[in-house]
Amino acid sequence: METEGLREFYRAHQPRLVGVISLLTGSRAEAEDIVQEAFVRLVPRWQKVSRYDSPEAWVRLVAVRLAANRHRDGNRFTQLFHRLPAEHVPDPADRYAGDLEQALAGLPMPTRQVVVLHYVCDLSVAQVADTLGIAEGTVKSRLSRARDALSDSLLLRSDDHA
């Protein structure tokens, strides 16, 4: 019966979590991989995590941390990649479907995490701070910087479309 509860939990929460993590990574395929890994990590812990007030928060935290780790590892790869002679480097903007996703992709990962958790997952400043293990003041300052950066970025994009 425990397995059926896990299946129901997966069906109920996986699509939304993929959407949230897509905003962090800029890639739906990468988000699907990350969310799948988060659920794989949940399986041996399901009996314990299922009793939490919000098992979804546990899976989301694991997925956010996995995304941050991949981003950090990706930055290392990018640094190595740029040392190689470039024949053709694809435009990174081709990965993103919309202006908001592009604007979010331009934010540093820690700032992007705060924005997505606060505005997309509708977590309070205190909840975001607790989730990421940072001070509430840090969350507020990252949100402020993000609003400025997104405002500038989205305004520039709207001028391009006019």
Protein backbone atom coordinates (compact mmCIF):
# COMPACT_ATOMS: atom_id res chain seq x y z
CA MET A 1 0.00 0.00 0.00
CA GLU A 2 2.96 2.32 0.70
CA THR A 3 4.02 2.00 -2.95
CA GLU A 4 0.62 3.16 -4.15
CA GLY A 5 0.87 6.28 -1.97
CA LEU A 6 4.24 7.06 -3.50
CA ARG A 7 2.82 6.59 -7.01
CA GLU A 8 -0.05 8.95 -6.24
CA PHE A 9 2.36 11.48 -4.75
CA TYR A 10 4.54 11.29 -7.86
CA ARG A 11 1.59 11.75 -10.23
CA ALA A 12 0.29 14.69 -8.20
CA HIS A 13 3.57 16.60 -7.77
CA GLN A 14 5.97 15.66 -10.55
CA PRO A 15 4.53 17.92 -13.30
CA ARG A 16 4.55 21.07 -11.15
CA LEU A 17 8.01 20.34 -9.84
CA VAL A 18 9.34 19.91 -13.39
CA GLY A 19 7.86 23.32 -14.22
CA VAL A 20 9.51 24.94 -11.22
CA ILE A 21 12.90 23.36 -11.86
CA SER A 22 12.65 24.27 -15.57
CA LEU A 23 12.63 27.89 -14.50
CA LEU A 24 15.84 27.30 -12.54
CA THR A 25 17.66 25.36 -15.26
CA GLY A 26 16.25 26.90 -18.43
CA SER A 27 15.81 23.41 -19.84
CA ARG A 28 12.78 21.18 -19.52
CA ALA A 29 14.83 18.06 -20.29
CA GLU A 30 17.35 18.89 -17.56
CA ALA A 31 14.50 19.67 -15.16
CA GLU A 32 12.91 16.30 -15.88
CA ASP A 33 16.23 14.57 -15.14
CA ILE A 34 16.68 16.50 -11.90
CA VAL A 35 13.13 15.86 -10.69
CA GLN A 36 13.48 12.19 -11.56
CA GLU A 37 16.67 12.05 -9.47
CA ALA A 38 14.90 13.79 -6.58
CA PHE A 39 12.12 11.20 -6.67
CA VAL A 40 14.67 8.37 -6.88
CA ARG A 41 16.21 9.74 -3.69
CA LEU A 42 12.74 9.88 -2.13
CA VAL A 43 11.95 6.18 -2.70
CA PRO A 44 14.08 4.71 0.12
CA ARG A 45 12.95 7.54 2.43
CA TRP A 46 9.26 7.53 1.50
CA GLN A 47 8.06 5.87 4.69
CA LYS A 48 9.63 8.67 6.76
CA VAL A 49 9.10 11.63 4.38
CA SER A 50 5.46 10.75 3.75
CA ARG A 51 4.75 11.62 7.39
CA TYR A 52 6.20 15.14 7.07
CA ASP A 53 3.83 18.11 7.03
CA SER A 54 4.90 18.76 3.43
CA PRO A 55 6.61 15.89 1.64
CA GLU A 56 6.51 18.06 -1.51
CA ALA A 57 8.79 20.58 0.22
CA TRP A 58 11.34 17.82 0.86
CA VAL A 59 11.36 16.74 -2.80
CA ARG A 60 11.47 20.36 -3.97
CA LEU A 61 14.46 21.08 -1.71
CA VAL A 62 16.32 18.04 -3.05
CA ALA A 63 15.54 19.10 -6.63
CA VAL A 64 16.61 22.72 -6.02
CA ARG A 65 19.90 21.53 -4.53
CA LEU A 66 20.48 19.11 -7.42
CA ALA A 67 19.84 21.97 -9.88
CA ALA A 68 22.32 24.19 -8.03
CA ASN A 69 24.92 21.40 -8.06
CA ARG A 70 24.46 20.84 -11.78
CA HIS A 71 24.70 24.57 -12.40
CA ARG A 72 27.94 24.73 -10.43
CA ASP A 73 29.31 21.68 -12.26
CA GLY A 74 28.11 23.14 -15.55
CA ASN A 75 30.03 26.34 -14.87
CA ARG A 76 33.19 24.28 -14.44
CA PHE A 77 32.49 22.51 -17.74
CA THR A 78 31.81 25.82 -19.48
CA GLN A 79 35.15 27.19 -18.29
CA LEU A 80 36.90 24.15 -19.74
CA PHE A 81 34.82 24.28 -22.91
CA HIS A 82 35.79 27.90 -23.58
CA ARG A 83 39.44 26.89 -23.58
CA LEU A 84 38.78 24.73 -26.65
CA PRO A 85 38.78 26.29 -30.13
CA ALA A 86 35.20 27.10 -31.07
CA GLU A 87 33.90 26.07 -34.47
CA HIS A 88 30.30 26.94 -33.78
CA VAL A 89 28.89 27.94 -30.43
CA PRO A 90 25.07 27.79 -30.42
CA ASP A 91 23.20 30.84 -29.19
CA PRO A 92 22.15 30.09 -25.59
CA ALA A 93 18.95 32.07 -26.18
CA ASP A 94 17.77 29.24 -28.46
CA ARG A 95 17.20 27.10 -25.34
CA TYR A 96 14.49 29.33 -23.97
CA ALA A 97 10.95 29.65 -25.11
CA GLY A 98 9.89 32.96 -23.64
CA ASP A 99 11.12 36.30 -22.43
CA LEU A 100 10.60 35.52 -18.74
CA GLU A 101 12.55 32.27 -18.99
CA GLN A 102 15.36 34.13 -20.77
CA ALA A 103 15.36 36.87 -18.15
CA LEU A 104 15.45 34.30 -15.34
CA ALA A 105 18.31 32.49 -17.05
CA GLY A 106 20.32 35.70 -16.87
CA LEU A 107 20.16 35.74 -13.09
CA PRO A 108 22.81 34.02 -10.98
CA MET A 109 21.58 30.64 -9.69
CA PRO A 110 21.25 31.74 -6.02
CA THR A 111 19.09 34.69 -7.07
CA ARG A 112 17.08 32.54 -9.48
CA GLN A 113 16.42 30.02 -6.67
CA VAL A 114 15.00 32.75 -4.43
CA VAL A 115 12.80 34.17 -7.21
CA VAL A 116 11.38 30.80 -8.24
CA LEU A 117 10.73 29.62 -4.68
CA HIS A 118 9.13 32.92 -3.66
CA TYR A 119 7.10 33.83 -6.74
CA VAL A 120 6.44 30.49 -8.43
CA CYS A 121 6.20 28.18 -5.41
CA ASP A 122 4.57 30.95 -3.37
CA LEU A 123 6.84 30.48 -0.37
CA SER A 124 7.18 33.28 2.15
CA VAL A 125 10.53 35.00 2.67
CA ALA A 126 10.97 33.00 5.89
CA GLN A 127 10.17 29.73 4.11
CA VAL A 128 12.61 30.50 1.29
CA ALA A 129 15.31 31.34 3.84
CA ASP A 130 14.64 28.10 5.70
CA THR A 131 14.58 26.03 2.49
CA LEU A 132 17.89 27.41 1.25
CA GLY A 133 19.53 27.72 4.67
CA ILE A 134 20.18 31.46 4.33
CA ALA A 135 19.13 34.54 6.30
CA GLU A 136 15.83 36.29 5.58
CA GLY A 137 17.76 39.49 4.86
CA THR A 138 19.70 37.64 2.17
CA VAL A 139 16.44 36.48 0.60
CA LYS A 140 15.08 40.03 0.63
CA SER A 141 18.21 41.51 -0.92
CA ARG A 142 18.30 38.83 -3.63
CA LEU A 143 14.63 39.45 -4.39
CA SER A 144 15.26 43.17 -4.64
CA ARG A 145 18.22 42.72 -6.99
CA ALA A 146 16.24 40.22 -9.03
CA ARG A 147 13.28 42.58 -9.41
CA ASP A 148 15.64 45.31 -10.66
CA ALA A 149 17.44 42.97 -13.05
CA LEU A 150 14.24 41.37 -14.35
CA SER A 151 12.57 44.74 -14.77
CA ASP A 152 15.50 46.05 -16.82
CA SER A 153 15.80 42.83 -18.80
CA LEU A 154 12.10 42.52 -19.58
CA LEU A 155 11.85 46.20 -20.52
CA LEU A 156 14.72 45.79 -22.98
CA ARG A 157 13.04 42.72 -24.48
CA SER A 158 9.72 44.54 -24.84
CA ASP A 159 11.54 47.31 -26.73
CA ASP A 160 12.99 44.65 -29.05
CA HIS A 161 9.48 43.36 -29.83
CA ALA A 162 8.03 46.82 -30.48
